């Protein structure tokens, strides 16, 4: 402990850096063996904690390592333990009270057998008292640079991607055999889809999303406490409240205790992944030291009317998880993402609609959707390239939303870059379709290559983004 900087030394250096004069109001010390248990946080970024519950009372004997209070920090609720043994002399806080880190929580009369070399006895003379700050008169104050519209954006990194598909493989034969007027190859010619994955027993949007999240955290060697924000894109929530994001957070913390972080849903249909990426990107402009977990989870099979042949053959179930890194963690990322450019066009719901579960089935006018999708995805991709001053012809690969192979072919006819397609194996998985493609593409993409992302979905929503591989 002697080699570590003291509280007063750290505060003195900080005050000098901020151009402040620091003085100390001497603390009154007891001649008796009294020690103070002070509030601490769960991480260095915590400035204060809330007392949730006091676990001991005045007059009670406590032992080293014993939990004395339950406190709530920024990201967790944890037990504050005592580093000393003795009798609680005075409780200095009440449940619900907010304490700044370092403020006293309780006073303890230390066992008389404690020697002068212990942390207890040495803690009293090391207490410098209460600090007081005063701004120096000097005009040479430190001024932090302002970020205005001309300042550069912070870079945002992009991780590997984890995906989870429904466990049940549904081939075209399941659709055509009961009808008799089609064969499986007819569906392939019309849609490019040979099979799709639907959820099986005990699978749902939350379980798949939680599984994908665990996988990506393991891949990236992160724990949930490293994440600052969880954004979930879904078109098939099981409830409005709790949000799917909060349900996923609950699933991830079942065996870990309570962990708190910002979490919310985005519903932008098939464009949801890009909408979530933009939200995560913008968050990391104010928190360049942060990390964002972007989750997509789509379970559309229960919303399909098997009698609506043209729609039922299209959709599959899948989830994905991606980590966005703030600029402080760019060395951990596989690619850099440029800010996605998004837009929407109002629709009253007669062209493409997805109801709540048990409220009906997915309705879609395929021809109308085809024309809107091709036009808006190309327009969005061109616009985001213009914003980044990149020619669309410089893109090495385009990864569009996997809606229908005919739409992908129409995009391919308008651009030079190769268009990624994996719809044959998965069908249309809404906002999970772009990450499903990226999970296949990123591991073999060459350094410096540019990937264009574009999507169109119900609402109507659309947008595009660019990834540059590290």
Protein backbone atom coordinates (compact mmCIF):
# COMPACT_ATOMS: atom_id res chain seq x y z
CA UNK A 1 0.00 0.00 0.00
CA UNK A 2 2.93 2.36 0.71
CA UNK A 3 3.92 2.48 -2.97
CA UNK A 4 0.46 3.52 -4.18
CA UNK A 5 -0.47 7.21 -4.47
CA UNK A 6 -2.66 8.41 -1.61
CA UNK A 7 -6.09 9.97 -1.98
CA UNK A 8 -4.65 13.42 -1.18
CA UNK A 9 -1.86 13.02 -3.75
CA UNK A 10 -4.27 12.02 -6.50
CA UNK A 11 -6.62 14.89 -5.68
CA UNK A 12 -3.73 17.38 -5.60
CA UNK A 13 -2.58 16.38 -9.09
CA UNK A 14 -6.14 16.51 -10.45
CA UNK A 15 -6.71 19.96 -8.95
CA UNK A 16 -3.51 21.26 -10.49
CA UNK A 17 -4.50 19.91 -13.92
CA UNK A 18 -7.84 21.72 -13.64
CA UNK A 19 -6.21 24.97 -12.51
CA UNK A 20 -7.71 24.79 -9.00
CA UNK A 21 -6.22 25.71 -5.64
CA UNK A 22 -6.70 22.89 -3.14
CA UNK A 23 -6.86 23.33 0.63
CA UNK A 24 -7.76 20.82 3.31
CA UNK A 25 -10.02 21.16 6.32
CA UNK A 26 -8.30 19.00 8.86
CA UNK A 27 -10.28 15.98 9.92
CA UNK A 28 -10.99 15.53 13.57
CA UNK A 29 -9.47 12.26 14.73
CA UNK A 30 -10.44 10.15 17.65
CA UNK A 31 -7.78 9.07 20.09
CA UNK A 32 -9.71 5.84 20.39
CA UNK A 33 -9.55 2.97 17.91
CA UNK A 34 -12.28 4.35 15.61
CA UNK A 35 -12.35 3.65 11.87
CA UNK A 36 -14.69 4.70 9.08
CA UNK A 37 -16.21 2.47 6.41
CA UNK A 38 -16.69 4.58 3.29
CA UNK A 39 -18.80 4.20 0.17
CA UNK A 40 -17.09 2.66 -2.85
CA UNK A 41 -18.24 2.09 -6.45
CA UNK A 42 -18.19 -1.00 -8.64
CA UNK A 43 -15.83 0.60 -11.17
CA UNK A 44 -13.47 3.59 -11.37
CA UNK A 45 -16.10 5.56 -13.33
CA UNK A 46 -18.61 5.54 -10.47
CA UNK A 47 -18.90 8.92 -8.76
CA UNK A 48 -21.69 8.02 -6.36
CA UNK A 49 -23.75 5.09 -5.10
CA UNK A 50 -27.20 4.68 -3.58
CA UNK A 51 -27.63 2.82 -0.30
CA UNK A 52 -30.15 0.06 -1.03
CA UNK A 53 -30.09 -1.77 2.32
CA UNK A 54 -28.11 -1.67 5.54
CA UNK A 55 -27.11 -5.18 6.60
CA UNK A 56 -25.84 -4.32 10.10
CA UNK A 57 -26.99 -2.06 12.93
CA UNK A 58 -25.29 0.14 15.54
CA UNK A 59 -23.93 -1.95 18.40
CA UNK A 60 -23.50 -5.03 16.23
CA UNK A 61 -20.13 -6.79 16.03
CA UNK A 62 -18.81 -7.22 12.50
CA UNK A 63 -15.92 -9.20 11.07
CA UNK A 64 -13.47 -8.59 8.24
CA UNK A 65 -15.05 -9.62 4.92
CA UNK A 66 -18.61 -9.33 6.24
CA UNK A 67 -21.21 -7.59 4.03
CA UNK A 68 -22.38 -4.44 5.81
CA UNK A 69 -24.56 -2.78 3.16
CA UNK A 70 -26.06 -3.33 -0.27
CA UNK A 71 -25.39 -0.40 -2.64
CA UNK A 72 -26.39 0.45 -6.20
CA UNK A 73 -23.70 1.74 -8.58
CA UNK A 74 -23.96 2.72 -12.25
CA UNK A 75 -24.06 -0.81 -13.60
CA UNK A 76 -24.72 -3.14 -10.69
CA UNK A 77 -26.07 -3.68 -7.20
CA UNK A 78 -23.44 -5.21 -4.94
CA UNK A 79 -22.62 -5.88 -1.29
CA UNK A 80 -20.10 -3.55 0.35
CA UNK A 81 -17.88 -5.59 2.66
CA UNK A 82 -15.86 -4.50 5.67
CA UNK A 83 -12.06 -4.68 5.68
CA UNK A 84 -12.02 -4.49 9.47
CA UNK A 85 -13.42 -6.21 12.55
CA UNK A 86 -15.04 -4.44 15.46
CA UNK A 87 -18.28 -3.01 16.82
CA UNK A 88 -20.46 -0.69 14.74
CA UNK A 89 -20.50 2.57 16.65
CA UNK A 90 -22.61 4.76 14.36
CA UNK A 91 -24.55 4.41 11.09
CA UNK A 92 -24.08 7.56 9.00
CA UNK A 93 -26.48 6.88 6.10
CA UNK A 94 -30.01 5.59 5.51
CA UNK A 95 -31.49 3.38 2.74
CA UNK A 96 -32.23 5.42 -0.36
CA UNK A 97 -29.53 7.99 0.38
CA UNK A 98 -27.02 8.85 -2.34
CA UNK A 99 -23.39 8.95 -1.20
CA UNK A 100 -20.46 10.19 -3.18
CA UNK A 101 -17.68 7.62 -3.45
CA UNK A 102 -15.46 8.12 -0.39
CA UNK A 103 -18.17 9.53 1.87
CA UNK A 104 -18.55 7.81 5.26
CA UNK A 105 -21.15 5.08 5.60
CA UNK A 106 -20.57 3.98 9.20
CA UNK A 107 -18.10 4.26 12.08
CA UNK A 108 -16.59 1.19 13.72
CA UNK A 109 -14.81 0.77 17.05
CA UNK A 110 -11.92 -1.48 16.13
CA UNK A 111 -10.86 -4.45 18.22
CA UNK A 112 -8.10 -3.39 20.62
CA UNK A 113 -5.98 -6.31 19.43
CA UNK A 114 -5.47 -4.70 16.01
CA UNK A 115 -1.86 -3.61 15.61
CA UNK A 116 -0.61 -0.26 14.40
CA UNK A 117 0.54 -1.86 11.15
CA UNK A 118 -2.96 -2.78 10.01
CA UNK A 119 -5.02 -0.88 7.49
CA UNK A 120 -7.41 0.11 10.26
CA UNK A 121 -5.01 2.06 12.41
CA UNK A 122 -3.12 3.50 9.48
CA UNK A 123 -6.32 4.68 7.85
CA UNK A 124 -6.92 7.37 10.45
CA UNK A 125 -3.69 9.36 10.17
CA UNK A 126 -3.89 9.01 6.36
CA UNK A 127 -7.26 10.83 6.33
CA UNK A 128 -6.37 14.33 5.05
CA UNK A 129 -9.77 15.79 5.92
CA UNK A 130 -12.30 17.56 3.70
CA UNK A 131 -10.99 19.06 0.43
CA UNK A 132 -11.90 22.62 -0.66
CA UNK A 133 -11.36 23.91 -4.18
CA UNK A 134 -11.03 27.44 -5.51
CA UNK A 135 -10.56 28.55 -9.09
CA UNK A 136 -7.16 30.19 -9.59
CA UNK A 137 -7.11 33.82 -10.65
CA UNK A 138 -4.79 33.04 -13.53
CA UNK A 139 -6.27 33.44 -16.99
CA UNK A 140 -4.20 30.51 -18.21
CA UNK A 141 -6.93 28.01 -17.51
CA UNK A 142 -7.14 24.70 -19.22
CA UNK A 143 -9.82 24.81 -21.89
CA UNK A 144 -11.18 21.61 -23.36
CA UNK A 145 -11.58 21.75 -27.14
CA UNK A 146 -15.12 22.22 -28.40
CA UNK A 147 -16.44 19.80 -30.96
CA UNK A 148 -18.39 21.68 -33.59
CA UNK A 149 -19.77 20.76 -36.99
CA UNK A 150 -16.29 21.00 -38.48
CA UNK A 151 -14.70 18.63 -35.95
CA UNK A 152 -13.99 15.09 -37.04
CA UNK A 153 -16.20 12.29 -35.89
CA UNK A 154 -14.87 9.67 -33.53
CA UNK A 155 -14.11 6.38 -35.27
CA UNK A 156 -16.40 3.44 -34.50
CA UNK A 157 -15.20 -0.15 -34.73
CA UNK A 158 -17.08 -3.26 -35.80
CA UNK A 159 -16.67 -6.73 -34.31
CA UNK A 160 -17.14 -10.26 -35.49
CA UNK A 161 -20.79 -11.32 -35.72
CA UNK A 162 -22.54 -14.19 -33.97
CA UNK A 163 -25.71 -15.64 -35.53
CA UNK A 164 -28.32 -18.13 -34.38
CA UNK A 165 -30.91 -19.61 -36.72
CA UNK A 166 -34.10 -21.49 -35.93
CA UNK A 167 -33.33 -25.18 -35.41
CA UNK A 168 -36.04 -26.46 -37.74
CA UNK A 169 -35.10 -26.65 -41.45
CA UNK A 170 -38.17 -26.09 -43.64
CA UNK A 171 -37.70 -27.10 -47.27
CA UNK A 172 -39.86 -26.08 -50.21
CA UNK A 173 -41.43 -29.52 -50.26
CA UNK A 174 -43.43 -28.63 -47.13
CA UNK A 175 -45.20 -25.92 -49.12
CA UNK A 176 -45.69 -27.57 -52.49
CA UNK A 177 -46.59 -31.16 -51.60
CA UNK A 178 -49.97 -30.35 -49.99
CA UNK A 179 -50.92 -28.22 -53.02
CA UNK A 180 -49.81 -30.36 -55.92
CA UNK A 181 -49.78 -27.53 -58.49
CA UNK A 182 -46.13 -26.54 -57.81
CA UNK A 183 -42.79 -28.27 -57.37
CA UNK A 184 -39.97 -27.21 -55.06
CA UNK A 185 -37.95 -25.74 -57.93
CA UNK A 186 -40.79 -23.34 -58.72
CA UNK A 187 -40.16 -21.57 -55.40
CA UNK A 188 -36.44 -21.40 -56.12
CA UNK A 189 -37.12 -19.79 -59.51
CA UNK A 190 -39.54 -17.24 -58.02
CA UNK A 191 -37.62 -16.35 -54.86
CA UNK A 192 -34.17 -17.96 -54.89
CA UNK A 193 -35.09 -19.74 -51.63
CA UNK A 194 -34.42 -23.45 -51.25
CA UNK A 195 -34.96 -23.69 -47.51
CA UNK A 196 -35.51 -21.50 -44.47
CA UNK A 197 -34.98 -21.95 -40.73
CA UNK A 198 -37.93 -21.77 -38.34
CA UNK A 199 -37.86 -21.90 -34.54
CA UNK A 200 -38.33 -25.28 -32.93
CA UNK A 201 -39.54 -26.35 -29.52
CA UNK A 202 -38.45 -24.03 -26.66
CA UNK A 203 -37.01 -21.44 -29.08
CA UNK A 204 -38.18 -17.85 -29.35
CA UNK A 205 -36.87 -14.39 -30.18
CA UNK A 206 -35.42 -13.84 -26.69
CA UNK A 207 -33.66 -17.19 -26.37
CA UNK A 208 -32.05 -16.87 -29.81
CA UNK A 209 -30.97 -13.27 -29.14
CA UNK A 210 -29.47 -14.20 -25.78
CA UNK A 211 -27.60 -17.13 -27.35
CA UNK A 212 -26.16 -14.90 -30.10
CA UNK A 213 -25.17 -12.28 -27.51
CA UNK A 214 -23.32 -14.82 -25.38
CA UNK A 215 -21.49 -16.08 -28.44
CA UNK A 216 -20.29 -12.67 -29.62
CA UNK A 217 -19.20 -11.66 -26.11
CA UNK A 218 -17.18 -14.85 -25.88
CA UNK A 219 -15.68 -14.27 -29.34
CA UNK A 220 -14.70 -10.73 -28.41
CA UNK A 221 -13.46 -11.76 -24.96
CA UNK A 222 -15.87 -9.42 -23.24
CA UNK A 223 -18.25 -9.73 -20.31
CA UNK A 224 -21.65 -8.11 -20.09
CA UNK A 225 -20.32 -5.50 -17.67
CA UNK A 226 -18.10 -4.22 -20.51
CA UNK A 227 -21.21 -3.21 -22.50
CA UNK A 228 -22.66 0.28 -22.09
CA UNK A 229 -25.74 -0.01 -24.32
CA UNK A 230 -27.85 -2.86 -25.70
CA UNK A 231 -29.97 -2.11 -28.79
CA UNK A 232 -32.35 -4.79 -30.05
CA UNK A 233 -33.89 -4.67 -33.52
CA UNK A 234 -37.00 -6.84 -33.80
CA UNK A 235 -40.20 -6.97 -35.82
CA UNK A 236 -41.64 -9.71 -33.65
CA UNK A 237 -41.62 -8.64 -29.99
CA UNK A 238 -43.55 -10.82 -27.58
CA UNK A 239 -44.64 -7.72 -25.65
CA UNK A 240 -44.48 -3.96 -25.82
CA UNK A 241 -43.21 -3.82 -22.25
CA UNK A 242 -40.87 -5.27 -21.16
CA UNK A 243 -39.00 -4.57 -24.37
CA UNK A 244 -37.23 -7.43 -26.09
CA UNK A 245 -33.93 -5.72 -25.21
CA UNK A 246 -34.80 -5.85 -21.49
CA UNK A 247 -35.92 -9.47 -21.82
CA UNK A 248 -32.60 -10.32 -23.46
CA UNK A 249 -30.76 -8.47 -20.70
CA UNK A 250 -32.71 -10.48 -18.14
CA UNK A 251 -31.78 -13.73 -19.89
CA UNK A 252 -28.11 -12.76 -19.93
CA UNK A 253 -28.06 -11.96 -16.21
CA UNK A 254 -29.97 -14.98 -14.89
CA UNK A 255 -26.87 -16.55 -13.32
CA UNK A 256 -24.91 -13.33 -12.73
CA UNK A 257 -27.07 -11.20 -10.50
CA UNK A 258 -28.38 -7.78 -11.35
CA UNK A 259 -26.48 -5.84 -14.03
CA UNK A 260 -27.75 -2.48 -15.21
CA UNK A 261 -27.12 -0.86 -18.56
CA UNK A 262 -29.09 1.15 -21.09
CA UNK A 263 -31.32 -1.09 -23.26
CA UNK A 264 -34.10 -0.47 -25.76
CA UNK A 265 -35.79 -1.83 -28.90
CA UNK A 266 -35.81 -0.52 -32.45
CA UNK A 267 -38.61 -1.46 -34.82
CA UNK A 268 -37.67 -0.54 -38.37
CA UNK A 269 -38.59 -3.90 -39.93
CA UNK A 270 -35.96 -5.19 -42.37
CA UNK A 271 -33.93 -1.97 -42.07
CA UNK A 272 -33.67 -2.44 -38.31
CA UNK A 273 -30.02 -3.53 -38.30
CA UNK A 274 -28.92 -0.32 -40.03
CA UNK A 275 -31.13 1.78 -37.75
CA UNK A 276 -29.54 0.08 -34.72
CA UNK A 277 -26.04 0.59 -36.12
CA UNK A 278 -26.71 4.31 -36.57
CA UNK A 279 -28.06 4.60 -33.02
CA UNK A 280 -25.00 2.81 -31.66
CA UNK A 281 -22.67 4.93 -33.79
CA UNK A 282 -24.24 8.16 -32.52
CA UNK A 283 -24.05 6.98 -28.90
CA UNK A 284 -20.32 6.32 -29.30
CA UNK A 285 -19.71 9.85 -30.52
CA UNK A 286 -20.38 11.01 -26.96
CA UNK A 287 -18.84 7.91 -25.36
CA UNK A 288 -15.73 7.07 -27.42
CA UNK A 289 -14.58 4.78 -24.62
CA UNK A 290 -17.84 2.79 -24.75
CA UNK A 291 -19.08 -0.41 -26.33
CA UNK A 292 -22.53 -1.12 -27.79
CA UNK A 293 -24.14 -4.53 -28.26
CA UNK A 294 -26.40 -4.52 -31.34
CA UNK A 295 -28.83 -7.45 -31.43
CA UNK A 296 -31.32 -8.49 -34.09
CA UNK A 297 -33.91 -11.17 -33.47
CA UNK A 298 -36.74 -12.12 -35.79
CA UNK A 299 -39.25 -14.94 -35.31
CA UNK A 300 -41.73 -14.47 -38.14
CA UNK A 301 -42.84 -18.07 -38.75
CA UNK A 302 -45.74 -17.93 -36.24
CA UNK A 303 -47.09 -14.91 -38.17
CA UNK A 304 -47.27 -16.67 -41.53
CA UNK A 305 -50.53 -17.77 -43.09
CA UNK A 306 -49.72 -21.07 -44.82
CA UNK A 307 -52.66 -20.44 -47.16
CA UNK A 308 -50.99 -17.22 -48.38
CA UNK A 309 -48.49 -19.10 -50.52
CA UNK A 310 -46.71 -16.06 -51.98
CA UNK A 311 -45.84 -14.68 -48.52
CA UNK A 312 -45.45 -17.84 -46.43
CA UNK A 313 -42.60 -19.19 -48.57
CA UNK A 314 -40.38 -16.15 -47.97
CA UNK A 315 -39.64 -15.78 -44.28
CA UNK A 316 -37.26 -17.43 -41.83
CA UNK A 317 -36.24 -17.01 -38.18
CA UNK A 318 -32.80 -15.88 -37.01
CA UNK A 319 -30.94 -13.68 -34.53
CA UNK A 320 -27.56 -11.95 -34.54
CA UNK A 321 -25.26 -10.00 -32.23
CA UNK A 322 -22.58 -7.43 -33.08
CA UNK A 323 -20.35 -5.28 -30.85
CA UNK A 324 -19.63 -1.68 -31.83
CA UNK A 325 -16.43 -0.28 -30.33
CA UNK A 326 -15.80 3.36 -29.43
CA UNK A 327 -12.62 4.94 -30.74
CA UNK A 328 -10.71 3.94 -27.61
CA UNK A 329 -11.07 0.27 -28.63
CA UNK A 330 -10.40 0.46 -32.37
CA UNK A 331 -7.49 -1.97 -32.04
CA UNK A 332 -10.05 -4.62 -31.02
CA UNK A 333 -12.22 -4.20 -34.11
CA UNK A 334 -12.24 -6.04 -37.44
CA UNK A 335 -13.62 -3.10 -39.42
CA UNK A 336 -14.57 0.55 -39.16
CA UNK A 337 -18.17 1.54 -39.75
CA UNK A 338 -19.14 4.85 -41.30
CA UNK A 339 -22.35 6.42 -40.06
CA UNK A 340 -25.35 4.80 -41.81
CA UNK A 341 -27.68 7.15 -43.66
CA UNK A 342 -31.36 6.40 -43.06
CA UNK A 343 -34.78 7.52 -44.18
CA UNK A 344 -38.42 6.48 -44.22
CA UNK A 345 -41.54 6.92 -46.29
CA UNK A 346 -44.95 6.74 -44.67
CA UNK A 347 -47.24 3.81 -45.46
CA UNK A 348 -50.67 3.21 -43.99
CA UNK A 349 -49.98 -0.53 -43.87
CA UNK A 350 -51.77 -1.88 -46.92
CA UNK A 351 -48.56 -2.79 -48.80
CA UNK A 352 -46.55 -4.53 -46.07
CA UNK A 353 -47.60 -5.10 -42.48
CA UNK A 354 -46.59 -7.37 -39.60
CA UNK A 355 -49.19 -7.64 -36.81
CA UNK A 356 -48.69 -8.55 -33.18
CA UNK A 357 -48.62 -12.25 -32.46
CA UNK A 358 -52.16 -13.70 -32.36
CA UNK A 359 -53.52 -10.58 -34.07
CA UNK A 360 -53.27 -11.91 -37.61
CA UNK A 361 -50.70 -12.68 -40.29
CA UNK A 362 -48.07 -10.88 -42.32
CA UNK A 363 -49.64 -9.13 -45.33
CA UNK A 364 -47.59 -8.09 -48.35
CA UNK A 365 -48.11 -6.88 -51.91
CA UNK A 366 -45.02 -8.37 -53.50
CA UNK A 367 -44.97 -6.37 -56.72
CA UNK A 368 -45.21 -3.01 -54.94
CA UNK A 369 -42.54 -4.03 -52.46
CA UNK A 370 -40.22 -5.13 -55.29
CA UNK A 371 -40.19 -1.74 -57.00
CA UNK A 372 -39.86 0.23 -53.76
CA UNK A 373 -37.05 -2.00 -52.49
CA UNK A 374 -34.84 -1.85 -55.57
CA UNK A 375 -35.21 1.91 -56.01
CA UNK A 376 -34.68 2.92 -52.39
CA UNK A 377 -31.76 0.57 -51.70
CA UNK A 378 -29.82 1.83 -54.73
CA UNK A 379 -30.66 5.45 -53.87
CA UNK A 380 -29.62 4.96 -50.22
CA UNK A 381 -26.36 3.29 -51.20
CA UNK A 382 -25.52 6.09 -53.63
CA UNK A 383 -26.30 8.72 -51.03
CA UNK A 384 -24.15 7.22 -48.25
CA UNK A 385 -21.27 6.87 -50.71
CA UNK A 386 -21.64 10.54 -51.68
CA UNK A 387 -21.64 11.56 -48.00
CA UNK A 388 -18.39 9.67 -47.44
CA UNK A 389 -16.96 10.89 -50.75
CA UNK A 390 -16.63 7.33 -52.00
CA UNK A 391 -17.67 6.35 -55.50
CA UNK A 392 -20.19 3.53 -55.46
CA UNK A 393 -17.99 1.85 -58.07
CA UNK A 394 -15.22 1.64 -55.46
CA UNK A 395 -17.24 -0.70 -53.27
CA UNK A 396 -15.79 -4.22 -53.23
CA UNK A 397 -18.98 -5.95 -52.11
CA UNK A 398 -22.59 -4.99 -51.55
CA UNK A 399 -24.52 -6.69 -48.75
CA UNK A 400 -28.23 -5.94 -49.19
CA UNK A 401 -31.20 -7.07 -47.17
CA UNK A 402 -32.07 -10.56 -48.38
CA UNK A 403 -35.70 -10.08 -49.39
CA UNK A 404 -35.97 -12.00 -52.65
CA UNK A 405 -33.37 -13.17 -55.17
CA UNK A 406 -35.11 -11.18 -57.91
CA UNK A 407 -34.52 -7.99 -55.90
CA UNK A 408 -30.87 -8.95 -55.41
CA UNK A 409 -30.51 -9.60 -59.15
CA UNK A 410 -32.07 -6.21 -59.94
CA UNK A 411 -29.54 -4.51 -57.64
CA UNK A 412 -26.69 -6.47 -59.22
CA UNK A 413 -27.72 -5.23 -62.67
CA UNK A 414 -27.27 -1.62 -61.50
CA UNK A 415 -23.86 -1.84 -59.76
CA UNK A 416 -20.40 -3.11 -60.58
CA UNK A 417 -19.57 -4.64 -57.21
CA UNK A 418 -20.57 -8.21 -56.45
CA UNK A 419 -23.84 -8.51 -54.53
CA UNK A 420 -23.85 -10.92 -51.61
CA UNK A 421 -26.65 -13.50 -51.51
CA UNK A 422 -27.35 -16.29 -49.02
CA UNK A 423 -31.14 -16.21 -49.27
CA UNK A 424 -31.13 -19.77 -50.66
CA UNK A 425 -30.36 -21.21 -47.21
CA UNK A 426 -32.17 -18.79 -44.87
CA UNK A 427 -35.02 -17.03 -46.66
CA UNK A 428 -35.95 -13.49 -45.64
CA UNK A 429 -34.98 -13.05 -41.97
CA UNK A 430 -35.89 -9.35 -41.84
CA UNK A 431 -33.34 -7.30 -39.84
CA UNK A 432 -31.19 -10.39 -39.24
CA UNK A 433 -30.46 -10.90 -42.94
CA UNK A 434 -27.58 -8.42 -43.35
CA UNK A 435 -25.68 -9.70 -40.28
CA UNK A 436 -26.23 -13.29 -41.49
CA UNK A 437 -24.43 -12.32 -44.71
CA UNK A 438 -21.72 -10.37 -42.91
CA UNK A 439 -20.99 -13.33 -40.65
CA UNK A 440 -20.02 -15.27 -43.79
CA UNK A 441 -18.23 -12.42 -45.56
CA UNK A 442 -16.14 -10.70 -42.87
CA UNK A 443 -13.81 -13.62 -41.99
CA UNK A 444 -12.46 -13.73 -45.57
CA UNK A 445 -12.65 -10.03 -46.48
CA UNK A 446 -9.31 -8.45 -47.31
CA UNK A 447 -7.85 -5.49 -45.41
CA UNK A 448 -9.00 -2.15 -46.77
CA UNK A 449 -11.96 -3.56 -48.70
CA UNK A 450 -15.19 -1.56 -48.69
CA UNK A 451 -18.53 -3.23 -48.00
CA UNK A 452 -21.77 -1.41 -48.81
CA UNK A 453 -24.82 -2.30 -46.71
CA UNK A 454 -28.38 -1.43 -47.77
CA UNK A 455 -31.88 -2.38 -46.68
CA UNK A 456 -35.56 -1.75 -47.27
CA UNK A 457 -38.36 -2.68 -44.90
CA UNK A 458 -41.95 -2.11 -43.94
CA UNK A 459 -42.91 1.33 -42.81
CA UNK A 460 -41.41 2.03 -45.32
CA UNK A 461 -37.89 2.29 -43.91
CA UNK A 462 -34.64 2.20 -45.84
CA UNK A 463 -30.99 3.12 -45.55
CA UNK A 464 -27.39 2.22 -46.23
CA UNK A 465 -23.99 2.13 -44.57
CA UNK A 466 -20.34 1.36 -45.33
CA UNK A 467 -17.83 -0.92 -43.61
CA UNK A 468 -14.09 -0.68 -44.26
CA UNK A 469 -12.13 -3.75 -43.21
CA UNK A 470 -9.09 -3.20 -40.99
